[in-house]
């Protein structure tokens, strides 16, 4: 059999494999969005119409599947962050970034979990989290340097908001799906420079924050 004949013979298998790959990603998006990052992989495989062994052949770890499933939402979110940095008013850029962040949380329970936790066993998720943290620092520092945001806000304060917003979304997603916006804007008022008062407790250090995000992680 010639090389071209071998390639033609393999083509249907490759198309079938790609279809299984795509079905797994679609099923994972639905399940992670509905049930969070700890959703059953067996259920995802069943929803995709494949055996669990097939899932693991395509995605050796849960985190591999998470990254593939979240890629479009992550890209959309990161592009929104870039727009925030381009806004003329640093405070409006900060507000835009935070609303974009919380809206992404509200629309997907799995993405909410992903933002709230750290997965140190995965270099790719660590890279993504570091990128998000650098963006937060950039929009926040810009607003602080312009005198619009209080100077004592730290990364841990933003992550605290992410955590509290996550709990609010869990409680209100059915009865009042936009309640998170009121909470966000109340908190943003507290972040304004002109509202600043001394705070009796220092923010968590970067090391404490990282450890706390790892402790929330249940993914193997």
N, C-alpha and C. Protein backbone atom coordinates (compact mmCIF):
# COMPACT_ATOMS: atom_id res chain seq x y z
N UNK A 1 0.85 -1.19 0.00
CA UNK A 1 0.00 0.00 0.00
C UNK A 1 0.89 1.24 0.00
N UNK A 2 0.58 2.16 -0.86
CA UNK A 2 1.38 3.39 -0.96
C UNK A 2 1.10 4.30 0.23
N UNK A 3 1.98 5.32 0.38
CA UNK A 3 1.81 6.28 1.48
C UNK A 3 0.48 7.02 1.36
N UNK A 4 0.11 7.41 0.14
CA UNK A 4 -1.15 8.14 -0.05
C UNK A 4 -2.35 7.26 0.28
N UNK A 5 -2.25 5.96 -0.02
CA UNK A 5 -3.35 5.05 0.30
C UNK A 5 -3.48 4.86 1.81
N UNK A 6 -2.35 4.79 2.49
CA UNK A 6 -2.36 4.68 3.95
C UNK A 6 -3.01 5.92 4.57
N UNK A 7 -2.66 7.09 4.06
CA UNK A 7 -3.23 8.33 4.58
C UNK A 7 -4.74 8.37 4.36
N UNK A 8 -5.18 7.92 3.19
CA UNK A 8 -6.63 7.91 2.92
C UNK A 8 -7.35 6.93 3.84
N UNK A 9 -6.70 5.81 4.14
CA UNK A 9 -7.30 4.82 5.03
C UNK A 9 -7.42 5.35 6.46
N UNK A 10 -6.45 6.17 6.85
CA UNK A 10 -6.44 6.72 8.21
C UNK A 10 -7.41 7.89 8.36
N UNK A 11 -7.77 8.53 7.28
CA UNK A 11 -8.57 9.76 7.35
C UNK A 11 -9.89 9.57 8.10
N UNK A 12 -10.69 8.50 7.81
CA UNK A 12 -11.95 8.34 8.54
C UNK A 12 -11.73 8.19 10.04
N UNK A 13 -10.68 7.44 10.43
CA UNK A 13 -10.38 7.29 11.86
C UNK A 13 -10.06 8.64 12.50
N UNK A 14 -9.30 9.46 11.79
CA UNK A 14 -8.94 10.77 12.33
C UNK A 14 -10.18 11.65 12.47
N UNK A 15 -11.08 11.58 11.48
CA UNK A 15 -12.31 12.37 11.57
C UNK A 15 -13.15 11.91 12.76
N UNK A 16 -13.25 10.59 12.95
CA UNK A 16 -14.01 10.06 14.08
C UNK A 16 -13.37 10.48 15.41
N UNK A 17 -12.05 10.41 15.47
CA UNK A 17 -11.35 10.81 16.69
C UNK A 17 -11.58 12.29 16.98
N UNK A 18 -11.57 13.13 15.94
CA UNK A 18 -11.81 14.55 16.13
C UNK A 18 -13.24 14.80 16.61
N UNK A 19 -14.19 14.03 16.07
CA UNK A 19 -15.57 14.18 16.51
C UNK A 19 -15.72 13.81 17.99
N UNK A 20 -15.07 12.71 18.40
CA UNK A 20 -15.12 12.32 19.81
C UNK A 20 -14.48 13.39 20.68
N UNK A 21 -13.36 13.93 20.22
CA UNK A 21 -12.67 15.00 20.94
C UNK A 21 -13.60 16.20 21.12
N UNK A 22 -14.26 16.61 20.05
CA UNK A 22 -15.14 17.77 20.10
C UNK A 22 -16.35 17.51 21.00
N UNK A 23 -16.91 16.29 20.93
CA UNK A 23 -18.06 15.95 21.78
C UNK A 23 -17.67 15.99 23.26
N UNK A 24 -16.48 15.53 23.56
CA UNK A 24 -16.01 15.55 24.94
C UNK A 24 -15.88 16.99 25.45
N UNK A 25 -15.34 17.87 24.64
CA UNK A 25 -15.20 19.27 25.06
C UNK A 25 -16.57 19.91 25.26
N UNK A 26 -17.50 19.67 24.37
CA UNK A 26 -18.84 20.25 24.51
C UNK A 26 -19.54 19.72 25.76
N UNK A 27 -19.43 18.41 26.00
CA UNK A 27 -20.04 17.83 27.20
C UNK A 27 -19.37 18.38 28.46
N UNK A 28 -18.05 18.56 28.41
CA UNK A 28 -17.33 19.10 29.56
C UNK A 28 -17.76 20.54 29.84
N UNK A 29 -17.93 21.33 28.81
CA UNK A 29 -18.38 22.71 29.02
C UNK A 29 -19.73 22.74 29.73
N UNK A 30 -20.65 21.90 29.28
CA UNK A 30 -21.97 21.87 29.91
C UNK A 30 -21.90 21.41 31.37
N UNK A 31 -21.16 20.34 31.60
CA UNK A 31 -21.09 19.77 32.94
C UNK A 31 -20.32 20.67 33.91
N UNK A 32 -19.20 21.23 33.46
CA UNK A 32 -18.44 22.12 34.33
C UNK A 32 -19.25 23.39 34.63
N UNK A 33 -19.94 23.90 33.63
CA UNK A 33 -20.75 25.11 33.84
C UNK A 33 -21.86 24.86 34.86
N UNK A 34 -22.45 23.68 34.81
CA UNK A 34 -23.59 23.37 35.69
C UNK A 34 -23.15 22.90 37.07
N UNK A 35 -22.02 22.16 37.14
CA UNK A 35 -21.66 21.47 38.38
C UNK A 35 -20.31 21.88 38.95
N UNK A 36 -19.56 22.71 38.25
CA UNK A 36 -18.26 23.14 38.74
C UNK A 36 -17.14 22.23 38.26
N UNK A 37 -15.91 22.59 38.64
CA UNK A 37 -14.75 21.87 38.13
C UNK A 37 -14.63 20.46 38.68
N UNK A 38 -15.38 20.13 39.72
CA UNK A 38 -15.35 18.78 40.28
C UNK A 38 -16.41 17.88 39.66
N UNK A 39 -17.02 18.30 38.56
CA UNK A 39 -18.04 17.50 37.89
C UNK A 39 -17.49 16.12 37.55
N UNK A 40 -18.39 15.15 37.52
CA UNK A 40 -18.01 13.75 37.27
C UNK A 40 -17.48 13.57 35.85
N UNK A 41 -16.26 13.04 35.73
CA UNK A 41 -15.71 12.75 34.41
C UNK A 41 -16.47 11.60 33.75
N UNK A 42 -16.95 10.66 34.55
CA UNK A 42 -17.75 9.57 34.00
C UNK A 42 -19.01 10.10 33.35
N UNK A 43 -19.64 11.07 34.00
CA UNK A 43 -20.84 11.67 33.43
C UNK A 43 -20.52 12.42 32.15
N UNK A 44 -19.40 13.12 32.12
CA UNK A 44 -18.99 13.84 30.91
C UNK A 44 -18.79 12.85 29.76
N UNK A 45 -18.09 11.74 30.05
CA UNK A 45 -17.88 10.74 29.01
C UNK A 45 -19.21 10.18 28.52
N UNK A 46 -20.11 9.90 29.45
CA UNK A 46 -21.43 9.35 29.07
C UNK A 46 -22.21 10.35 28.23
N UNK A 47 -22.18 11.62 28.61
CA UNK A 47 -22.89 12.65 27.85
C UNK A 47 -22.30 12.80 26.44
N UNK A 48 -21.00 12.54 26.32
CA UNK A 48 -20.34 12.63 25.00
C UNK A 48 -20.51 11.36 24.19
N UNK A 49 -21.06 10.32 24.82
CA UNK A 49 -21.28 9.06 24.11
C UNK A 49 -20.03 8.24 23.91
N UNK A 50 -19.08 8.36 24.84
CA UNK A 50 -17.84 7.60 24.73
C UNK A 50 -17.54 6.92 26.06
N UNK A 51 -16.61 5.98 26.05
CA UNK A 51 -16.17 5.31 27.26
C UNK A 51 -15.21 6.22 28.03
N UNK A 52 -15.11 6.00 29.35
CA UNK A 52 -14.23 6.83 30.16
C UNK A 52 -12.77 6.69 29.70
N UNK A 53 -12.41 5.50 29.19
CA UNK A 53 -11.05 5.32 28.68
C UNK A 53 -10.76 6.22 27.50
N UNK A 54 -11.78 6.45 26.67
CA UNK A 54 -11.62 7.35 25.53
C UNK A 54 -11.37 8.77 26.00
N UNK A 55 -12.10 9.16 27.04
CA UNK A 55 -11.89 10.51 27.61
C UNK A 55 -10.43 10.67 28.03
N UNK A 56 -9.91 9.66 28.74
CA UNK A 56 -8.54 9.78 29.23
C UNK A 56 -7.51 9.71 28.11
N UNK A 57 -7.85 9.06 27.02
CA UNK A 57 -6.91 9.06 25.89
C UNK A 57 -6.81 10.45 25.27
N UNK A 58 -7.92 11.16 25.25
CA UNK A 58 -7.91 12.52 24.70
C UNK A 58 -7.40 13.54 25.72
N UNK A 59 -7.75 13.33 26.98
CA UNK A 59 -7.40 14.28 28.04
C UNK A 59 -6.89 13.48 29.24
N UNK A 60 -5.59 13.29 29.35
CA UNK A 60 -5.02 12.43 30.39
C UNK A 60 -5.37 12.84 31.82
N UNK A 61 -5.62 14.14 32.06
CA UNK A 61 -5.98 14.60 33.40
C UNK A 61 -7.21 15.49 33.33
N UNK A 62 -7.86 15.64 34.46
CA UNK A 62 -9.02 16.54 34.55
C UNK A 62 -8.63 17.96 34.15
N UNK A 63 -7.44 18.38 34.55
CA UNK A 63 -7.02 19.74 34.25
C UNK A 63 -6.80 19.95 32.76
N UNK A 64 -6.36 18.91 32.05
CA UNK A 64 -6.25 19.01 30.59
C UNK A 64 -7.63 19.29 29.99
N UNK A 65 -8.63 18.61 30.49
CA UNK A 65 -9.99 18.80 29.99
C UNK A 65 -10.53 20.17 30.39
N UNK A 66 -10.23 20.61 31.60
CA UNK A 66 -10.66 21.93 32.05
C UNK A 66 -10.13 23.03 31.15
N UNK A 67 -8.84 22.98 30.86
CA UNK A 67 -8.22 24.03 30.03
C UNK A 67 -8.85 24.04 28.64
N UNK A 68 -9.06 22.86 28.07
CA UNK A 68 -9.67 22.79 26.74
C UNK A 68 -11.09 23.32 26.75
N UNK A 69 -11.84 22.98 27.79
CA UNK A 69 -13.24 23.41 27.87
C UNK A 69 -13.37 24.91 28.11
N UNK A 70 -12.47 25.49 28.88
CA UNK A 70 -12.57 26.90 29.24
C UNK A 70 -11.90 27.84 28.24
N UNK A 71 -11.20 27.30 27.28
CA UNK A 71 -10.39 28.14 26.38
C UNK A 71 -11.18 29.29 25.75
N UNK A 72 -12.39 29.07 25.18
CA UNK A 72 -13.11 30.21 24.57
C UNK A 72 -13.50 31.27 25.60
N UNK A 73 -13.96 30.83 26.79
CA UNK A 73 -14.36 31.80 27.82
C UNK A 73 -13.14 32.55 28.34
N UNK A 74 -12.03 31.86 28.50
CA UNK A 74 -10.80 32.52 28.94
C UNK A 74 -10.35 33.57 27.93
N UNK A 75 -10.41 33.22 26.66
CA UNK A 75 -9.98 34.15 25.62
C UNK A 75 -10.87 35.38 25.62
N UNK A 76 -12.17 35.17 25.74
CA UNK A 76 -13.11 36.30 25.78
C UNK A 76 -12.83 37.18 26.99
N UNK A 77 -12.58 36.54 28.12
CA UNK A 77 -12.31 37.30 29.34
C UNK A 77 -11.01 38.10 29.22
N UNK A 78 -9.95 37.48 28.72
CA UNK A 78 -8.66 38.16 28.61
C UNK A 78 -8.73 39.32 27.62
N UNK A 79 -9.52 39.17 26.57
CA UNK A 79 -9.69 40.28 25.62
C UNK A 79 -10.42 41.45 26.29
N UNK A 80 -11.39 41.14 27.13
CA UNK A 80 -12.09 42.20 27.87
C UNK A 80 -11.15 42.94 28.80
N UNK A 81 -10.20 42.21 29.39
CA UNK A 81 -9.23 42.84 30.28
C UNK A 81 -8.35 43.82 29.52
N UNK A 82 -7.97 43.46 28.30
CA UNK A 82 -7.17 44.37 27.49
C UNK A 82 -7.93 45.66 27.20
N UNK A 83 -9.23 45.54 26.96
CA UNK A 83 -10.04 46.73 26.71
C UNK A 83 -10.05 47.64 27.93
N UNK A 84 -10.08 47.05 29.12
CA UNK A 84 -10.07 47.84 30.36
C UNK A 84 -8.82 48.70 30.45
N UNK A 85 -7.68 48.15 30.03
CA UNK A 85 -6.43 48.90 30.10
C UNK A 85 -6.37 50.02 29.09
N UNK A 86 -7.18 49.93 28.04
CA UNK A 86 -7.17 50.95 26.99
C UNK A 86 -8.12 52.12 27.29
N UNK A 87 -8.94 52.01 28.31
CA UNK A 87 -9.90 53.07 28.62
C UNK A 87 -9.19 54.29 29.17
N UNK A 88 -9.64 55.48 28.78
CA UNK A 88 -8.97 56.72 29.17
C UNK A 88 -8.99 56.95 30.68
N UNK A 89 -10.13 56.67 31.30
CA UNK A 89 -10.28 56.90 32.74
C UNK A 89 -9.85 55.63 33.49
N UNK A 90 -8.78 55.70 34.29
CA UNK A 90 -8.29 54.50 34.99
C UNK A 90 -9.33 53.87 35.91
N UNK A 91 -10.15 54.71 36.58
CA UNK A 91 -11.18 54.15 37.45
C UNK A 91 -12.24 53.42 36.64
N UNK A 92 -12.66 54.00 35.54
CA UNK A 92 -13.65 53.33 34.70
C UNK A 92 -13.07 52.03 34.13
N UNK A 93 -11.78 52.03 33.84
CA UNK A 93 -11.14 50.80 33.38
C UNK A 93 -11.17 49.73 34.46
N UNK A 94 -10.91 50.13 35.70
CA UNK A 94 -10.94 49.18 36.81
C UNK A 94 -12.35 48.63 37.00
N UNK A 95 -13.35 49.51 36.96
CA UNK A 95 -14.74 49.08 37.12
C UNK A 95 -15.13 48.13 35.98
N UNK A 96 -14.74 48.48 34.76
CA UNK A 96 -15.05 47.62 33.61
C UNK A 96 -14.41 46.24 33.78
N UNK A 97 -13.16 46.22 34.23
CA UNK A 97 -12.48 44.94 34.42
C UNK A 97 -13.21 44.09 35.45
N UNK A 98 -13.57 44.70 36.59
CA UNK A 98 -14.21 43.94 37.65
C UNK A 98 -15.58 43.42 37.22
N UNK A 99 -16.33 44.23 36.49
CA UNK A 99 -17.64 43.75 36.03
C UNK A 99 -17.46 42.62 35.02
N UNK A 100 -16.47 42.75 34.15
CA UNK A 100 -16.18 41.68 33.20
C UNK A 100 -15.80 40.38 33.93
N UNK A 101 -15.01 40.52 34.99
CA UNK A 101 -14.58 39.38 35.79
C UNK A 101 -15.78 38.70 36.46
N UNK A 102 -16.63 39.50 37.10
CA UNK A 102 -17.76 38.94 37.83
C UNK A 102 -18.82 38.39 36.89
N UNK A 103 -18.98 38.99 35.73
CA UNK A 103 -19.93 38.46 34.75
C UNK A 103 -19.47 37.08 34.26
N UNK A 104 -18.16 36.93 34.07
CA UNK A 104 -17.64 35.62 33.67
C UNK A 104 -17.91 34.58 34.74
N UNK A 105 -17.77 34.96 36.00
CA UNK A 105 -18.09 34.06 37.09
C UNK A 105 -19.56 33.66 37.07
N UNK A 106 -20.43 34.66 36.91
CA UNK A 106 -21.86 34.42 37.01
C UNK A 106 -22.38 33.50 35.93
N UNK A 107 -21.72 33.49 34.78
CA UNK A 107 -22.24 32.71 33.66
C UNK A 107 -21.78 31.27 33.62
N UNK A 108 -20.92 30.85 34.57
CA UNK A 108 -20.34 29.51 34.46
C UNK A 108 -19.78 29.10 35.82
N UNK A 109 -20.43 28.11 36.44
CA UNK A 109 -19.97 27.68 37.77
C UNK A 109 -18.55 27.12 37.72
N UNK A 110 -18.22 26.41 36.65
CA UNK A 110 -16.88 25.87 36.53
C UNK A 110 -15.84 26.97 36.41
N UNK A 111 -16.14 28.01 35.63
CA UNK A 111 -15.21 29.12 35.49
C UNK A 111 -15.07 29.86 36.81
N UNK A 112 -16.16 29.94 37.56
CA UNK A 112 -16.14 30.52 38.90
C UNK A 112 -15.15 29.75 39.77
N UNK A 113 -15.26 28.41 39.76
CA UNK A 113 -14.32 27.59 40.52
C UNK A 113 -12.89 27.80 40.05
N UNK A 114 -12.72 27.86 38.75
CA UNK A 114 -11.38 28.01 38.18
C UNK A 114 -10.71 29.29 38.64
N UNK A 115 -11.46 30.39 38.65
CA UNK A 115 -10.90 31.67 39.09
C UNK A 115 -10.58 31.67 40.58
N UNK A 116 -11.33 30.89 41.35
CA UNK A 116 -11.22 30.92 42.81
C UNK A 116 -10.09 30.07 43.36
N UNK A 117 -9.57 29.16 42.56
CA UNK A 117 -8.63 28.18 43.06
C UNK A 117 -7.29 28.24 42.32
N UNK A 118 -6.32 27.52 42.86
CA UNK A 118 -5.04 27.31 42.20
C UNK A 118 -4.81 25.81 42.04
N UNK A 119 -4.19 25.44 40.92
CA UNK A 119 -3.94 24.04 40.61
C UNK A 119 -2.44 23.87 40.35
N UNK A 120 -1.63 23.77 41.40
CA UNK A 120 -0.18 23.80 41.24
C UNK A 120 0.40 22.65 40.43
N UNK A 121 -0.37 21.58 40.23
CA UNK A 121 0.16 20.45 39.45
C UNK A 121 0.11 20.71 37.95
N UNK A 122 -0.52 21.82 37.54
CA UNK A 122 -0.69 22.10 36.12
C UNK A 122 0.03 23.40 35.73
N UNK A 123 1.14 23.31 35.01
CA UNK A 123 1.83 24.52 34.56
C UNK A 123 0.94 25.43 33.72
N UNK A 124 0.04 24.86 32.92
CA UNK A 124 -0.80 25.68 32.06
C UNK A 124 -1.79 26.50 32.88
N UNK A 125 -2.44 25.89 33.87
CA UNK A 125 -3.38 26.67 34.68
C UNK A 125 -2.63 27.70 35.53
N UNK A 126 -1.43 27.36 35.97
CA UNK A 126 -0.63 28.33 36.71
C UNK A 126 -0.29 29.53 35.82
N UNK A 127 0.04 29.26 34.57
CA UNK A 127 0.35 30.35 33.63
C UNK A 127 -0.87 31.24 33.45
N UNK A 128 -2.06 30.64 33.30
CA UNK A 128 -3.29 31.41 33.11
C UNK A 128 -3.60 32.24 34.34
N UNK A 129 -3.49 31.63 35.52
CA UNK A 129 -3.76 32.37 36.75
C UNK A 129 -2.77 33.53 36.92
N UNK A 130 -1.52 33.29 36.61
CA UNK A 130 -0.53 34.37 36.72
C UNK A 130 -0.88 35.51 35.76
N UNK A 131 -1.34 35.17 34.56
CA UNK A 131 -1.73 36.20 33.60
C UNK A 131 -2.91 37.02 34.13
N UNK A 132 -3.90 36.35 34.70
CA UNK A 132 -5.04 37.06 35.28
C UNK A 132 -4.59 37.96 36.42
N UNK A 133 -3.72 37.46 37.28
CA UNK A 133 -3.23 38.27 38.40
C UNK A 133 -2.47 39.50 37.91
N UNK A 134 -1.66 39.34 36.87
CA UNK A 134 -0.92 40.48 36.33
C UNK A 134 -1.88 41.52 35.76
N UNK A 135 -2.96 41.07 35.14
CA UNK A 135 -3.95 42.01 34.61
C UNK A 135 -4.64 42.76 35.74
N UNK A 136 -5.02 42.04 36.79
CA UNK A 136 -5.66 42.69 37.93
C UNK A 136 -4.73 43.75 38.51
N UNK A 137 -3.48 43.38 38.72
CA UNK A 137 -2.51 44.33 39.26
C UNK A 137 -2.35 45.54 38.37
N UNK A 138 -2.38 45.33 37.06
CA UNK A 138 -2.18 46.44 36.13
C UNK A 138 -3.34 47.42 36.19
N UNK A 139 -4.58 46.92 36.12
CA UNK A 139 -5.72 47.85 36.13
C UNK A 139 -5.88 48.51 37.50
N UNK A 140 -5.57 47.75 38.56
CA UNK A 140 -5.68 48.32 39.90
C UNK A 140 -4.60 49.38 40.13
N UNK A 141 -3.35 49.07 39.79
CA UNK A 141 -2.26 50.03 39.98
C UNK A 141 -2.51 51.31 39.20
N UNK A 142 -3.03 51.17 38.00
CA UNK A 142 -3.33 52.35 37.17
C UNK A 142 -4.35 53.25 37.87
N UNK A 143 -5.39 52.64 38.46
CA UNK A 143 -6.40 53.43 39.16
C UNK A 143 -5.84 54.03 40.45
N UNK A 144 -4.94 53.30 41.12
CA UNK A 144 -4.33 53.83 42.34
C UNK A 144 -3.40 54.99 42.03
N UNK A 145 -2.62 54.84 40.99
CA UNK A 145 -1.67 55.91 40.64
C UNK A 145 -2.39 57.17 40.18
N UNK A 146 -3.60 57.02 39.66
CA UNK A 146 -4.40 58.18 39.27
C UNK A 146 -5.14 58.79 40.45
N UNK A 147 -4.99 58.21 41.63
CA UNK A 147 -5.66 58.72 42.82
C UNK A 147 -7.14 58.37 42.88
N UNK A 148 -7.58 57.41 42.08
CA UNK A 148 -9.00 57.05 42.03
C UNK A 148 -9.34 55.88 42.96
N UNK A 149 -8.42 54.93 43.11
CA UNK A 149 -8.64 53.77 43.97
C UNK A 149 -7.78 53.91 45.22
N UNK A 150 -8.30 53.48 46.34
CA UNK A 150 -7.55 53.60 47.59
C UNK A 150 -6.22 52.85 47.48
N UNK A 151 -5.16 53.39 48.05
CA UNK A 151 -3.82 52.84 47.82
C UNK A 151 -3.53 51.55 48.57
N UNK A 152 -4.38 51.18 49.53
CA UNK A 152 -4.07 50.01 50.36
C UNK A 152 -4.77 48.74 49.87
N UNK A 153 -5.40 48.79 48.69
CA UNK A 153 -6.00 47.58 48.13
C UNK A 153 -4.90 46.65 47.65
N UNK A 154 -5.01 45.37 47.98
CA UNK A 154 -4.02 44.37 47.56
C UNK A 154 -4.70 43.29 46.75
N UNK A 155 -3.89 42.45 46.11
CA UNK A 155 -4.44 41.35 45.31
C UNK A 155 -5.37 40.48 46.14
N UNK A 156 -5.03 40.25 47.40
CA UNK A 156 -5.87 39.41 48.26
C UNK A 156 -7.28 40.01 48.41
N UNK A 157 -7.39 41.31 48.40
CA UNK A 157 -8.71 41.95 48.52
C UNK A 157 -9.56 41.65 47.29
N UNK A 158 -8.93 41.62 46.12
CA UNK A 158 -9.68 41.30 44.90
C UNK A 158 -10.11 39.84 44.92
N UNK A 159 -9.22 38.95 45.33
CA UNK A 159 -9.58 37.54 45.39
C UNK A 159 -10.66 37.30 46.44
N UNK A 160 -10.63 38.05 47.55
CA UNK A 160 -11.72 37.94 48.53
C UNK A 160 -13.06 38.27 47.88
N UNK A 161 -13.05 39.27 47.00
CA UNK A 161 -14.28 39.60 46.27
C UNK A 161 -14.71 38.47 45.35
N UNK A 162 -13.73 37.85 44.69
CA UNK A 162 -14.04 36.73 43.81
C UNK A 162 -14.70 35.61 44.62
N UNK A 163 -14.14 35.32 45.79
CA UNK A 163 -14.70 34.26 46.64
C UNK A 163 -16.11 34.62 47.10
N UNK A 164 -16.29 35.83 47.59
CA UNK A 164 -17.62 36.21 48.10
C UNK A 164 -18.64 36.26 46.97
N UNK A 165 -18.20 36.72 45.80
CA UNK A 165 -19.10 36.75 44.65
C UNK A 165 -19.51 35.34 44.24
N UNK A 166 -18.57 34.41 44.35
CA UNK A 166 -18.88 33.02 44.02
C UNK A 166 -19.98 32.46 44.90
N UNK A 167 -19.91 32.75 46.19
CA UNK A 167 -20.95 32.28 47.11
C UNK A 167 -22.28 32.95 46.82
N UNK A 168 -22.23 34.24 46.47
CA UNK A 168 -23.46 34.95 46.15
C UNK A 168 -24.10 34.35 44.90
N UNK A 169 -23.30 34.04 43.91
CA UNK A 169 -23.82 33.44 42.67
C UNK A 169 -24.49 32.11 42.98
N UNK A 170 -23.85 31.29 43.82
CA UNK A 170 -24.44 30.01 44.20
C UNK A 170 -25.82 30.20 44.83
N UNK A 171 -25.94 31.23 45.66
CA UNK A 171 -27.19 31.45 46.40
C UNK A 171 -28.28 32.08 45.56
N UNK A 172 -27.92 32.89 44.55
CA UNK A 172 -28.92 33.71 43.88
C UNK A 172 -29.10 33.41 42.39
N UNK A 173 -28.35 32.47 41.85
CA UNK A 173 -28.34 32.26 40.39
C UNK A 173 -29.73 31.95 39.83
N UNK A 174 -30.58 31.33 40.62
CA UNK A 174 -31.93 30.99 40.16
C UNK A 174 -32.92 32.09 40.49
N UNK A 175 -32.89 32.58 41.72
CA UNK A 175 -33.92 33.54 42.15
C UNK A 175 -33.62 34.98 41.74
N UNK A 176 -32.34 35.36 41.70
CA UNK A 176 -31.97 36.75 41.35
C UNK A 176 -30.62 36.74 40.66
N UNK A 177 -30.56 36.32 39.40
CA UNK A 177 -29.28 36.08 38.73
C UNK A 177 -28.39 37.30 38.55
N UNK A 178 -28.92 38.50 38.73
CA UNK A 178 -28.09 39.70 38.59
C UNK A 178 -27.76 40.35 39.94
N UNK A 179 -28.03 39.66 41.04
CA UNK A 179 -27.77 40.23 42.37
C UNK A 179 -26.29 40.54 42.56
N UNK A 180 -25.43 39.79 41.87
CA UNK A 180 -23.99 40.01 42.01
C UNK A 180 -23.58 41.42 41.63
N UNK A 181 -24.31 42.07 40.73
CA UNK A 181 -23.91 43.41 40.28
C UNK A 181 -24.09 44.44 41.40
N UNK A 182 -25.16 44.29 42.18
CA UNK A 182 -25.35 45.21 43.32
C UNK A 182 -24.21 45.05 44.32
N UNK A 183 -23.89 43.81 44.63
CA UNK A 183 -22.80 43.54 45.57
C UNK A 183 -21.49 44.12 45.05
N UNK A 184 -21.21 43.93 43.76
CA UNK A 184 -19.98 44.44 43.18
C UNK A 184 -19.90 45.95 43.33
N UNK A 185 -20.97 46.66 42.97
CA UNK A 185 -20.91 48.13 43.00
C UNK A 185 -20.87 48.68 44.41
N UNK A 186 -21.46 47.99 45.37
CA UNK A 186 -21.29 48.38 46.77
C UNK A 186 -19.83 48.26 47.17
N UNK A 187 -19.19 47.18 46.76
CA UNK A 187 -17.79 46.97 47.11
C UNK A 187 -16.89 47.97 46.37
N UNK A 188 -17.22 48.28 45.13
CA UNK A 188 -16.42 49.25 44.38
C UNK A 188 -16.47 50.62 45.04
N UNK A 189 -17.60 50.98 45.60
CA UNK A 189 -17.67 52.25 46.33
C UNK A 189 -16.68 52.24 47.51
N UNK A 190 -16.54 51.10 48.16
CA UNK A 190 -15.60 50.99 49.27
C UNK A 190 -14.16 51.08 48.80
N UNK A 191 -13.92 50.83 47.51
CA UNK A 191 -12.57 50.86 46.97
C UNK A 191 -12.16 52.25 46.49
N UNK A 192 -13.08 53.20 46.47
CA UNK A 192 -12.75 54.55 46.00
C UNK A 192 -11.81 55.24 46.99
N UNK A 193 -10.86 55.99 46.44
CA UNK A 193 -9.86 56.65 47.28
C UNK A 193 -10.51 57.59 48.30
N UNK A 194 -11.56 58.29 47.89
CA UNK A 194 -12.17 59.27 48.80
C UNK A 194 -12.96 58.61 49.94
N UNK A 195 -13.19 57.31 49.84
CA UNK A 195 -13.91 56.60 50.91
C UNK A 195 -12.96 55.89 51.87
N UNK A 196 -11.66 56.06 51.69
CA UNK A 196 -10.69 55.27 52.45
C UNK A 196 -10.63 55.68 53.92
N UNK A 197 -10.65 54.68 54.78
CA UNK A 197 -10.41 54.84 56.20
C UNK A 197 -9.42 53.74 56.62
N UNK A 198 -8.74 53.95 57.73
CA UNK A 198 -7.77 52.93 58.16
C UNK A 198 -8.46 51.58 58.38
N UNK A 199 -7.76 50.51 58.01
CA UNK A 199 -8.28 49.15 58.18
C UNK A 199 -7.45 48.45 59.24
N UNK A 200 -8.10 47.84 60.24
CA UNK A 200 -7.35 47.28 61.37
C UNK A 200 -6.62 45.97 61.07
N UNK A 201 -6.81 45.40 59.88
CA UNK A 201 -6.19 44.12 59.55
C UNK A 201 -5.46 44.25 58.22
N UNK A 202 -4.23 43.76 58.18
CA UNK A 202 -3.46 43.79 56.94
C UNK A 202 -3.99 42.73 55.97
N UNK A 203 -3.80 42.94 54.66
CA UNK A 203 -4.22 41.91 53.70
C UNK A 203 -3.34 40.67 53.81
N UNK A 204 -3.84 39.56 53.31
CA UNK A 204 -3.01 38.36 53.23
C UNK A 204 -1.79 38.63 52.36
N UNK A 205 -0.70 37.99 52.69
CA UNK A 205 0.47 38.06 51.82
C UNK A 205 0.20 37.23 50.57
N UNK A 206 1.04 37.40 49.56
CA UNK A 206 0.90 36.60 48.35
C UNK A 206 1.00 35.10 48.66
N UNK A 207 1.88 34.75 49.57
CA UNK A 207 2.06 33.34 49.94
C UNK A 207 0.80 32.80 50.63
N UNK A 208 0.24 33.57 51.55
CA UNK A 208 -0.99 33.15 52.23
C UNK A 208 -2.14 33.01 51.24
N UNK A 209 -2.24 33.96 50.33
CA UNK A 209 -3.30 33.91 49.33
C UNK A 209 -3.17 32.68 48.45
N UNK A 210 -1.97 32.41 47.98
CA UNK A 210 -1.74 31.24 47.12
C UNK A 210 -2.13 29.96 47.85
N UNK A 211 -1.67 29.83 49.10
CA UNK A 211 -1.98 28.63 49.88
C UNK A 211 -3.48 28.47 50.09
N UNK A 212 -4.17 29.59 50.31
CA UNK A 212 -5.62 29.53 50.51
C UNK A 212 -6.33 29.06 49.24
N UNK A 213 -5.86 29.52 48.09
CA UNK A 213 -6.47 29.11 46.82
C UNK A 213 -6.20 27.64 46.53
N UNK A 214 -5.04 27.15 46.94
CA UNK A 214 -4.73 25.73 46.76
C UNK A 214 -5.61 24.89 47.69
N UNK A 215 -5.84 25.36 48.91
CA UNK A 215 -6.65 24.61 49.88
C UNK A 215 -8.08 24.43 49.39
N UNK A 216 -8.59 25.37 48.57
CA UNK A 216 -9.95 25.25 48.03
C UNK A 216 -10.03 24.18 46.95
N UNK A 217 -8.89 23.78 46.42
CA UNK A 217 -8.86 22.88 45.27
C UNK A 217 -9.10 21.44 45.70
N UNK A 218 -10.09 20.81 45.05
CA UNK A 218 -10.38 19.40 45.31
C UNK A 218 -9.98 18.52 44.13
N UNK A 219 -9.46 19.14 43.06
CA UNK A 219 -9.13 18.39 41.85
C UNK A 219 -7.86 17.60 42.07
N UNK A 220 -7.88 16.31 41.70
CA UNK A 220 -6.70 15.46 41.81
C UNK A 220 -5.67 15.84 40.77
